[in-house]
Amino acid sequence: MQHVSIHNLLTLANVPNARTITSMTESVPFPWAVVIPVKVLARAKSRLAALAGTRRGELALALASDTVAAVLACREVSHVLVVTDDLVAGREVSVLGASVVPDEPGDGLNAALAHGASVAGLRWPDTGIAALSADLPALRPAELGRALRAAAAWPSAFVADAQGSGTTLYTVAPGASFQPRFGLGSRALHASGGTVELDLAGVPGLRRDVDTPADLREAVTLGAGARTAALAGELLRDFSRG
């Protein structure tokens, strides 16, 4: 393993005993199953309603599809499991090559992820489990691979979002307890629970989740996937004119 820098995150998250890892291992001792939650499209991305209007569900599907496609192309990933109750989204990601299970708990994001992790653990017991946001259209397979190689050295790890308060990736090694804390202030919540933060340089697509028009513009600038790029070009052009 390369040099590992560990320091206190009190100044960032105001939590004790948190650690940040700034480098990665060179290889992965086990494969990864990645769990991706996808909301029912009609209820997804409400903060993009002013931009997308009646095409909001279409945009949410494009974001998720580009995310799933990037994950499937990551060589460190052996399985992709999408948790969704949306038939259209489920069909689309199935065509791409992901497995799909319904959101049986129906009790929010973390419950959906825990359900997906449970299914993944039963199907693929020797894999690490990673939970990934479904709105990372500029994600590159190599970025995810770097993060997973780094995460393999720790029982649990996470990557913060571009804003610095949220989380886009949460991982656990095989057999470790899966305790996702996505939602408002998730960076601090994950760190306070003893999860190691992976502060890796050069992974902007992994950090750039999309919740606002400004986020979408940035994702396009970074290089969004084909589905998002095509739709965003139309929506952002019309939005600017309006």
Foldseek 3Di string as FASTA:
>chain_A
DPDWDWDFCCVQQVAGPFTETAAFAPDFPFAEEEEEEQEQLVPPLPQCCLLQPVCSSVLSLLQLLLVLLQQVPAPSHDAYEYEYPHPVSCVSSVVSPHHYDYQVVPPDDQSSLVVRVVVCCVVPQQHKYKYFYRRLQLFHSVLVNRVNRRQSVDQKEFEEAPVRQFTGMIIGHRPHDDGQDGDGRRVSVCRNVVHHYYPYPDGNSSRQGDNHLVSLVVSVVSPGDPSNVVVNVVSVVVSVVD
